[in-house]
Amino acid sequence: MHIRWFLVIVTVSVLAQTAFSEGYRAPRTADNQPDLQGSWEAETTASYDLQDHGGSLGIPPGLGVVVGGEIPYKPEALAKRQQNFKNRATADPVSKCFLPGVPRANLMPFPFQIFQTGKDVAILYEYVHAYRLIPLDGSKHPDDVDFWMGDSRGRWEGETLVVDVANNHDETWFDAAGDYHSAALHVVERYTRTAPDTIRYEATIEDPKVFTRPWTIRLNLYRRPEKNFQLMEYDCYAYEK
């Protein structure tokens, strides 16, 4: 009887939270945009492995964030992913102090801060001083150039900030387990505030050279609760003698 009532209470609580999230309207900025500003951080193990995973060298166990459960690799691309995993201790670009790329930068166990104006959104990362400037003016991606953090262009769709990320450097990984992409990577991010201290983050990934179809990750970002919280200095010293 006690177990039954416990399940009922948990079910009602989950339904209430879902209804609250679906009906939530974020506070507005001075430009009447949904206000995403603040310091946020993922609380998952997705930066270690996007899929469900047990513990292994350098990777704590955890649940995945891939919608549908598995990344749809082409057979020949899966072989390279397995090789990356085998050599992850030295092959991971982050272990060499390279910038993590998108979406990995949002998944790492480091906070980041969002700023907004009517024309741009800026994201500053604690990890190795990475940053992104996201124009909202409808401008196009530049030609024939790539960036470690990609080139981001944003627009608003109701309560959601949609960010189109192209021109991605082909040497970044999605996680520490060796999930990777080619220079054909195209990412579409969606940031939706679903509660005062929660942003639902989605990233749809397309790369026809590596994957059989587009696929999506989904997780929550949580506001850092500390009073007067601020990003700290974090430098990487992979090559320090």
C-alpha atoms as a PDB file:
ATOM      1  CA  MET A   1       0.000   0.000   0.000  1.00  0.00           C
ATOM      2  CA  HIS A   2       2.782   2.402   0.909  1.00  0.00           C
ATOM      3  CA  ILE A   3       4.605   1.611  -2.348  1.00  0.00           C
ATOM      4  CA  ARG A   4       1.405   2.209  -4.324  1.00  0.00           C
ATOM      5  CA  TRP A   5       0.849   5.620  -2.741  1.00  0.00           C
ATOM      6  CA  PHE A   6       4.488   6.493  -3.288  1.00  0.00           C
ATOM      7  CA  LEU A   7       4.163   5.722  -7.002  1.00  0.00           C
ATOM      8  CA  VAL A   8       1.000   7.812  -7.230  1.00  0.00           C
ATOM      9  CA  ILE A   9       2.706  10.774  -5.542  1.00  0.00           C
ATOM     10  CA  VAL A  10       5.752  10.508  -7.829  1.00  0.00           C
ATOM     11  CA  THR A  11       3.540  10.254 -10.932  1.00  0.00           C
ATOM     12  CA  VAL A  12       1.486  13.305  -9.956  1.00  0.00           C
ATOM     13  CA  SER A  13       4.662  15.247  -9.192  1.00  0.00           C
ATOM     14  CA  VAL A  14       6.192  14.422 -12.597  1.00  0.00           C
ATOM     15  CA  LEU A  15       2.978  15.359 -14.411  1.00  0.00           C
ATOM     16  CA  ALA A  16       2.789  18.639 -12.520  1.00  0.00           C
ATOM     17  CA  GLN A  17       6.373  19.496 -13.399  1.00  0.00           C
ATOM     18  CA  THR A  18       5.749  18.662 -17.067  1.00  0.00           C
ATOM     19  CA  ALA A  19       2.639  20.829 -17.197  1.00  0.00           C
ATOM     20  CA  PHE A  20       4.516  23.659 -15.506  1.00  0.00           C
ATOM     21  CA  SER A  21       7.382  23.416 -17.982  1.00  0.00           C
ATOM     22  CA  GLU A  22       5.140  23.342 -21.052  1.00  0.00           C
ATOM     23  CA  GLY A  23       3.198  26.405 -19.898  1.00  0.00           C
ATOM     24  CA  TYR A  24       6.157  28.418 -18.643  1.00  0.00           C
ATOM     25  CA  ARG A  25       6.801  31.848 -20.154  1.00  0.00           C
ATOM     26  CA  ALA A  26      10.252  33.237 -19.492  1.00  0.00           C
ATOM     27  CA  PRO A  27      10.779  36.762 -18.152  1.00  0.00           C
ATOM     28  CA  ARG A  28      11.517  39.322 -20.869  1.00  0.00           C
ATOM     29  CA  THR A  29      14.563  41.443 -21.573  1.00  0.00           C
ATOM     30  CA  ALA A  30      14.303  45.139 -22.376  1.00  0.00           C
ATOM     31  CA  ASP A  31      14.012  44.074 -26.043  1.00  0.00           C
ATOM     32  CA  ASN A  32      11.056  41.790 -25.201  1.00  0.00           C
ATOM     33  CA  GLN A  33      13.057  38.616 -25.824  1.00  0.00           C
ATOM     34  CA  PRO A  34      12.875  35.554 -23.536  1.00  0.00           C
ATOM     35  CA  ASP A  35      15.532  36.183 -20.910  1.00  0.00           C
ATOM     36  CA  LEU A  36      18.139  33.393 -20.915  1.00  0.00           C
ATOM     37  CA  GLN A  37      20.761  35.416 -19.088  1.00  0.00           C
ATOM     38  CA  GLY A  38      22.645  33.963 -16.155  1.00  0.00           C
ATOM     39  CA  SER A  39      25.196  31.295 -15.307  1.00  0.00           C
ATOM     40  CA  TRP A  40      24.259  27.739 -16.293  1.00  0.00           C
ATOM     41  CA  GLU A  41      25.740  24.257 -16.143  1.00  0.00           C
ATOM     42  CA  ALA A  42      24.812  20.755 -17.277  1.00  0.00           C
ATOM     43  CA  GLU A  43      24.531  18.133 -14.525  1.00  0.00           C
ATOM     44  CA  THR A  44      25.054  14.986 -16.582  1.00  0.00           C
ATOM     45  CA  THR A  45      27.950  12.772 -17.648  1.00  0.00           C
ATOM     46  CA  ALA A  46      27.233  13.574 -21.315  1.00  0.00           C
ATOM     47  CA  SER A  47      30.591  15.287 -21.812  1.00  0.00           C
ATOM     48  CA  TYR A  48      32.202  11.909 -21.092  1.00  0.00           C
ATOM     49  CA  ASP A  49      29.857   9.848 -23.290  1.00  0.00           C
ATOM     50  CA  LEU A  50      26.647  10.978 -25.010  1.00  0.00           C
ATOM     51  CA  GLN A  51      25.161   7.469 -24.889  1.00  0.00           C
ATOM     52  CA  ASP A  52      24.321   5.232 -21.915  1.00  0.00           C
ATOM     53  CA  HIS A  53      27.632   4.039 -20.517  1.00  0.00           C
ATOM     54  CA  GLY A  54      29.283   2.160 -17.694  1.00  0.00           C
ATOM     55  CA  GLY A  55      32.427   3.329 -15.956  1.00  0.00           C
ATOM     56  CA  SER A  56      35.790   3.010 -17.711  1.00  0.00           C
ATOM     57  CA  LEU A  57      39.145   4.784 -17.807  1.00  0.00           C
ATOM     58  CA  GLY A  58      38.446   8.504 -17.427  1.00  0.00           C
ATOM     59  CA  ILE A  59      34.683   8.036 -17.902  1.00  0.00           C
ATOM     60  CA  PRO A  60      32.231   7.831 -14.967  1.00  0.00           C
ATOM     61  CA  PRO A  61      29.040   5.787 -15.525  1.00  0.00           C
ATOM     62  CA  GLY A  62      25.870   7.593 -16.525  1.00  0.00           C
ATOM     63  CA  LEU A  63      22.749   7.770 -18.633  1.00  0.00           C
ATOM     64  CA  GLY A  64      22.893   9.065 -22.180  1.00  0.00           C
ATOM     65  CA  VAL A  65      21.281  12.165 -23.669  1.00  0.00           C
ATOM     66  CA  VAL A  66      20.792  10.920 -27.244  1.00  0.00           C
ATOM     67  CA  VAL A  67      17.126  10.921 -28.250  1.00  0.00           C
ATOM     68  CA  GLY A  68      16.394   7.316 -29.221  1.00  0.00           C
ATOM     69  CA  GLY A  69      19.421   6.003 -27.363  1.00  0.00           C
ATOM     70  CA  GLU A  70      22.052   5.423 -30.068  1.00  0.00           C
ATOM     71  CA  ILE A  71      24.121   7.538 -32.439  1.00  0.00           C
ATOM     72  CA  PRO A  72      23.417   6.402 -36.042  1.00  0.00           C
ATOM     73  CA  TYR A  73      26.960   5.876 -37.275  1.00  0.00           C
ATOM     74  CA  LYS A  74      27.730   4.582 -40.727  1.00  0.00           C
ATOM     75  CA  PRO A  75      29.530   1.203 -40.389  1.00  0.00           C
ATOM     76  CA  GLU A  76      32.894   2.545 -41.543  1.00  0.00           C
ATOM     77  CA  ALA A  77      32.556   5.585 -39.250  1.00  0.00           C
ATOM     78  CA  LEU A  78      31.708   3.396 -36.247  1.00  0.00           C
ATOM     79  CA  ALA A  79      35.050   1.644 -36.656  1.00  0.00           C
ATOM     80  CA  LYS A  80      36.834   4.988 -36.292  1.00  0.00           C
ATOM     81  CA  ARG A  81      34.748   5.836 -33.214  1.00  0.00           C
ATOM     82  CA  GLN A  82      35.838   2.544 -31.628  1.00  0.00           C
ATOM     83  CA  GLN A  83      39.452   3.387 -32.405  1.00  0.00           C
ATOM     84  CA  ASN A  84      38.998   6.818 -30.836  1.00  0.00           C
ATOM     85  CA  PHE A  85      37.594   5.215 -27.694  1.00  0.00           C
ATOM     86  CA  LYS A  86      40.551   2.865 -27.461  1.00  0.00           C
ATOM     87  CA  ASN A  87      43.004   5.776 -27.700  1.00  0.00           C
ATOM     88  CA  ARG A  88      40.903   8.323 -25.783  1.00  0.00           C
ATOM     89  CA  ALA A  89      43.463   9.039 -23.061  1.00  0.00           C
ATOM     90  CA  THR A  90      45.793  10.697 -25.572  1.00  0.00           C
ATOM     91  CA  ALA A  91      43.631  11.265 -28.688  1.00  0.00           C
ATOM     92  CA  ASP A  92      40.871  13.396 -27.161  1.00  0.00           C
ATOM     93  CA  PRO A  93      41.384  16.964 -28.481  1.00  0.00           C
ATOM     94  CA  VAL A  94      40.334  18.400 -25.107  1.00  0.00           C
ATOM     95  CA  SER A  95      43.211  16.528 -23.441  1.00  0.00           C
ATOM     96  CA  LYS A  96      45.487  18.566 -25.727  1.00  0.00           C
ATOM     97  CA  CYS A  97      43.885  21.849 -24.601  1.00  0.00           C
ATOM     98  CA  PHE A  98      42.019  22.407 -27.857  1.00  0.00           C
ATOM     99  CA  LEU A  99      38.635  24.145 -27.699  1.00  0.00           C
ATOM    100  CA  PRO A 100      35.786  21.643 -27.216  1.00  0.00           C
ATOM    101  CA  GLY A 101      33.456  22.774 -30.014  1.00  0.00           C
ATOM    102  CA  VAL A 102      29.664  22.677 -30.102  1.00  0.00           C
ATOM    103  CA  PRO A 103      27.712  21.078 -28.484  1.00  0.00           C
ATOM    104  CA  ARG A 104      30.424  19.685 -26.197  1.00  0.00           C
ATOM    105  CA  ALA A 105      31.213  23.074 -24.649  1.00  0.00           C
ATOM    106  CA  ASN A 106      27.707  23.150 -23.143  1.00  0.00           C
ATOM    107  CA  LEU A 107      28.021  19.650 -21.672  1.00  0.00           C
ATOM    108  CA  MET A 108      31.297  19.916 -19.796  1.00  0.00           C
ATOM    109  CA  PRO A 109      31.435  20.143 -15.978  1.00  0.00           C
ATOM    110  CA  PHE A 110      32.204  23.861 -16.170  1.00  0.00           C
ATOM    111  CA  PRO A 111      29.661  26.699 -15.978  1.00  0.00           C
ATOM    112  CA  PHE A 112      29.019  29.198 -18.737  1.00  0.00           C
ATOM    113  CA  GLN A 113      27.281  32.557 -18.783  1.00  0.00           C
ATOM    114  CA  ILE A 114      24.738  33.920 -21.276  1.00  0.00           C
ATOM    115  CA  PHE A 115      24.389  37.628 -22.090  1.00  0.00           C
ATOM    116  CA  GLN A 116      21.810  39.199 -24.404  1.00  0.00           C
ATOM    117  CA  THR A 117      21.181  42.371 -26.364  1.00  0.00           C
ATOM    118  CA  GLY A 118      18.560  42.978 -29.006  1.00  0.00           C
ATOM    119  CA  LYS A 119      21.140  42.220 -31.719  1.00  0.00           C
ATOM    120  CA  ASP A 120      23.335  39.458 -30.259  1.00  0.00           C
ATOM    121  CA  VAL A 121      23.601  36.659 -27.721  1.00  0.00           C
ATOM    122  CA  ALA A 122      27.016  36.015 -26.157  1.00  0.00           C
ATOM    123  CA  ILE A 123      28.077  32.852 -24.332  1.00  0.00           C
ATOM    124  CA  LEU A 124      31.208  32.929 -22.171  1.00  0.00           C
ATOM    125  CA  TYR A 125      32.636  29.626 -20.952  1.00  0.00           C
ATOM    126  CA  GLU A 126      34.731  29.057 -17.867  1.00  0.00           C
ATOM    127  CA  TYR A 127      36.643  26.347 -19.728  1.00  0.00           C
ATOM    128  CA  VAL A 128      39.804  27.818 -21.333  1.00  0.00           C
ATOM    129  CA  HIS A 129      38.219  31.234 -21.935  1.00  0.00           C
ATOM    130  CA  ALA A 130      36.070  29.941 -24.796  1.00  0.00           C
ATOM    131  CA  TYR A 131      33.304  32.202 -26.041  1.00  0.00           C
ATOM    132  CA  ARG A 132      30.672  32.516 -28.762  1.00  0.00           C
ATOM    133  CA  LEU A 133      29.045  35.615 -30.233  1.00  0.00           C
ATOM    134  CA  ILE A 134      25.698  34.814 -31.868  1.00  0.00           C
ATOM    135  CA  PRO A 135      24.295  37.507 -34.205  1.00  0.00           C
ATOM    136  CA  LEU A 136      20.496  37.721 -34.436  1.00  0.00           C
ATOM    137  CA  ASP A 137      20.443  39.893 -37.571  1.00  0.00           C
ATOM    138  CA  GLY A 138      19.860  37.180 -40.173  1.00  0.00           C
ATOM    139  CA  SER A 139      23.401  37.376 -41.526  1.00  0.00           C
ATOM    140  CA  LYS A 140      24.919  34.363 -43.280  1.00  0.00           C
ATOM    141  CA  HIS A 141      27.839  32.110 -42.347  1.00  0.00           C
ATOM    142  CA  PRO A 142      31.167  33.071 -43.952  1.00  0.00           C
ATOM    143  CA  ASP A 143      32.552  30.917 -46.757  1.00  0.00           C
ATOM    144  CA  ASP A 144      35.666  28.730 -46.780  1.00  0.00           C
ATOM    145  CA  VAL A 145      36.667  29.114 -43.136  1.00  0.00           C
ATOM    146  CA  ASP A 146      36.246  26.926 -40.072  1.00  0.00           C
ATOM    147  CA  PHE A 147      36.396  27.564 -36.341  1.00  0.00           C
ATOM    148  CA  TRP A 148      37.000  25.375 -33.299  1.00  0.00           C
ATOM    149  CA  MET A 149      33.736  26.676 -31.808  1.00  0.00           C
ATOM    150  CA  GLY A 150      31.970  26.865 -35.168  1.00  0.00           C
ATOM    151  CA  ASP A 151      30.191  29.934 -36.509  1.00  0.00           C
ATOM    152  CA  SER A 152      26.848  30.616 -34.794  1.00  0.00           C
ATOM    153  CA  ARG A 153      23.827  32.535 -36.135  1.00  0.00           C
ATOM    154  CA  GLY A 154      20.667  32.827 -34.042  1.00  0.00           C
ATOM    155  CA  ARG A 155      16.971  33.608 -34.290  1.00  0.00           C
ATOM    156  CA  TRP A 156      13.976  33.511 -31.969  1.00  0.00           C
ATOM    157  CA  GLU A 157      11.108  31.072 -32.458  1.00  0.00           C
ATOM    158  CA  GLY A 158       8.618  31.975 -29.735  1.00  0.00           C
ATOM    159  CA  GLU A 159      10.175  31.019 -26.392  1.00  0.00           C
ATOM    160  CA  THR A 160      13.136  29.285 -28.026  1.00  0.00           C
ATOM    161  CA  LEU A 161      16.511  30.620 -29.123  1.00  0.00           C
ATOM    162  CA  VAL A 162      17.488  28.639 -32.228  1.00  0.00           C
ATOM    163  CA  VAL A 163      21.202  28.714 -33.101  1.00  0.00           C
ATOM    164  CA  ASP A 164      22.538  27.461 -36.421  1.00  0.00           C
ATOM    165  CA  VAL A 165      26.179  26.370 -36.051  1.00  0.00           C
ATOM    166  CA  ALA A 166      28.245  25.777 -39.202  1.00  0.00           C
ATOM    167  CA  ASN A 167      31.911  26.033 -40.254  1.00  0.00           C
ATOM    168  CA  ASN A 168      32.921  23.557 -37.543  1.00  0.00           C
ATOM    169  CA  HIS A 169      36.523  22.379 -37.238  1.00  0.00           C
ATOM    170  CA  ASP A 170      36.717  18.655 -37.993  1.00  0.00           C
ATOM    171  CA  GLU A 171      39.120  17.852 -35.125  1.00  0.00           C
ATOM    172  CA  THR A 172      36.669  18.381 -32.245  1.00  0.00           C
ATOM    173  CA  TRP A 173      34.897  15.460 -30.556  1.00  0.00           C
ATOM    174  CA  PHE A 174      31.412  15.382 -29.077  1.00  0.00           C
ATOM    175  CA  ASP A 175      32.605  13.699 -25.862  1.00  0.00           C
ATOM    176  CA  ALA A 176      35.547  11.979 -24.184  1.00  0.00           C
ATOM    177  CA  ALA A 177      34.438   8.572 -25.504  1.00  0.00           C
ATOM    178  CA  GLY A 178      35.521   9.376 -29.049  1.00  0.00           C
ATOM    179  CA  ASP A 179      32.227  10.324 -30.706  1.00  0.00           C
ATOM    180  CA  TYR A 180      33.314  12.490 -33.603  1.00  0.00           C
ATOM    181  CA  HIS A 181      32.307  14.191 -36.855  1.00  0.00           C
ATOM    182  CA  SER A 182      33.718  15.473 -40.121  1.00  0.00           C
ATOM    183  CA  ALA A 183      34.025  18.987 -41.551  1.00  0.00           C
ATOM    184  CA  ALA A 184      30.475  18.526 -42.890  1.00  0.00           C
ATOM    185  CA  LEU A 185      29.044  18.878 -39.370  1.00  0.00           C
ATOM    186  CA  HIS A 186      25.983  21.095 -39.027  1.00  0.00           C
ATOM    187  CA  VAL A 187      24.421  21.687 -35.602  1.00  0.00           C
ATOM    188  CA  VAL A 188      21.102  23.338 -34.758  1.00  0.00           C
ATOM    189  CA  GLU A 189      20.758  24.207 -31.061  1.00  0.00           C
ATOM    190  CA  ARG A 190      17.555  25.084 -29.204  1.00  0.00           C
ATOM    191  CA  TYR A 191      17.542  26.876 -25.847  1.00  0.00           C
ATOM    192  CA  THR A 192      14.135  27.026 -24.119  1.00  0.00           C
ATOM    193  CA  ARG A 193      13.621  28.290 -20.588  1.00  0.00           C
ATOM    194  CA  THR A 194      11.189  25.848 -18.947  1.00  0.00           C
ATOM    195  CA  ALA A 195      11.360  27.063 -15.334  1.00  0.00           C
ATOM    196  CA  PRO A 196      13.015  29.927 -13.411  1.00  0.00           C
ATOM    197  CA  ASP A 197      16.248  27.960 -13.010  1.00  0.00           C
ATOM    198  CA  THR A 198      16.111  25.537 -15.952  1.00  0.00           C
ATOM    199  CA  ILE A 199      16.849  25.694 -19.676  1.00  0.00           C
ATOM    200  CA  ARG A 200      15.979  22.759 -21.897  1.00  0.00           C
ATOM    201  CA  TYR A 201      18.867  22.328 -24.326  1.00  0.00           C
ATOM    202  CA  GLU A 202      18.598  20.409 -27.581  1.00  0.00           C
ATOM    203  CA  ALA A 203      21.130  20.018 -30.356  1.00  0.00           C
ATOM    204  CA  THR A 204      20.337  18.318 -33.657  1.00  0.00           C
ATOM    205  CA  ILE A 205      23.431  16.998 -35.389  1.00  0.00           C
ATOM    206  CA  GLU A 206      23.765  16.377 -39.112  1.00  0.00           C
ATOM    207  CA  ASP A 207      26.847  15.018 -40.860  1.00  0.00           C
ATOM    208  CA  PRO A 208      26.162  12.828 -43.909  1.00  0.00           C
ATOM    209  CA  LYS A 209      29.798  11.732 -44.081  1.00  0.00           C
ATOM    210  CA  VAL A 210      29.656  10.087 -40.650  1.00  0.00           C
ATOM    211  CA  PHE A 211      26.000   9.424 -39.763  1.00  0.00           C
ATOM    212  CA  THR A 212      23.128   7.752 -41.595  1.00  0.00           C
ATOM    213  CA  ARG A 213      20.651  10.451 -40.521  1.00  0.00           C
ATOM    214  CA  PRO A 214      20.373  13.546 -38.300  1.00  0.00           C
ATOM    215  CA  TRP A 215      20.107  12.858 -34.561  1.00  0.00           C
ATOM    216  CA  THR A 216      19.419  14.900 -31.439  1.00  0.00           C
ATOM    217  CA  ILE A 217      20.652  15.245 -27.879  1.00  0.00           C
ATOM    218  CA  ARG A 218      18.419  16.668 -25.146  1.00  0.00           C
ATOM    219  CA  LEU A 219      19.191  17.633 -21.537  1.00  0.00           C
ATOM    220  CA  ASN A 220      18.597  20.345 -18.955  1.00  0.00           C
ATOM    221  CA  LEU A 221      20.916  23.184 -18.037  1.00  0.00           C
ATOM    222  CA  TYR A 222      20.593  24.452 -14.469  1.00  0.00           C
ATOM    223  CA  ARG A 223      21.238  27.899 -13.061  1.00  0.00           C
ATOM    224  CA  ARG A 224      24.117  28.102 -10.615  1.00  0.00           C
ATOM    225  CA  PRO A 225      22.437  28.919  -7.286  1.00  0.00           C
ATOM    226  CA  GLU A 226      25.302  30.577  -5.433  1.00  0.00           C
ATOM    227  CA  LYS A 227      24.811  34.228  -4.535  1.00  0.00           C
ATOM    228  CA  ASN A 228      27.112  36.509  -6.549  1.00  0.00           C
ATOM    229  CA  PHE A 229      28.344  33.534  -8.610  1.00  0.00           C
ATOM    230  CA  GLN A 230      30.936  34.344 -11.246  1.00  0.00           C
ATOM    231  CA  LEU A 231      33.023  32.445 -13.771  1.00  0.00           C
ATOM    232  CA  MET A 232      36.556  31.704 -12.653  1.00  0.00           C
ATOM    233  CA  GLU A 233      39.833  31.462 -14.569  1.00  0.00           C
ATOM    234  CA  TYR A 234      40.470  27.981 -15.944  1.00  0.00           C
ATOM    235  CA  ASP A 235      43.547  27.436 -18.081  1.00  0.00           C
ATOM    236  CA  CYS A 236      44.786  24.223 -19.630  1.00  0.00           C
ATOM    237  CA  TYR A 237      48.322  22.986 -19.081  1.00  0.00           C
ATOM    238  CA  ALA A 238      48.599  19.879 -21.253  1.00  0.00           C
ATOM    239  CA  TYR A 239      51.997  20.925 -22.593  1.00  0.00           C
ATOM    240  CA  GLU A 240      53.465  22.391 -19.439  1.00  0.00           C
ATOM    241  CA  LYS A 241      56.874  20.860 -18.757  1.00  0.00           C
END
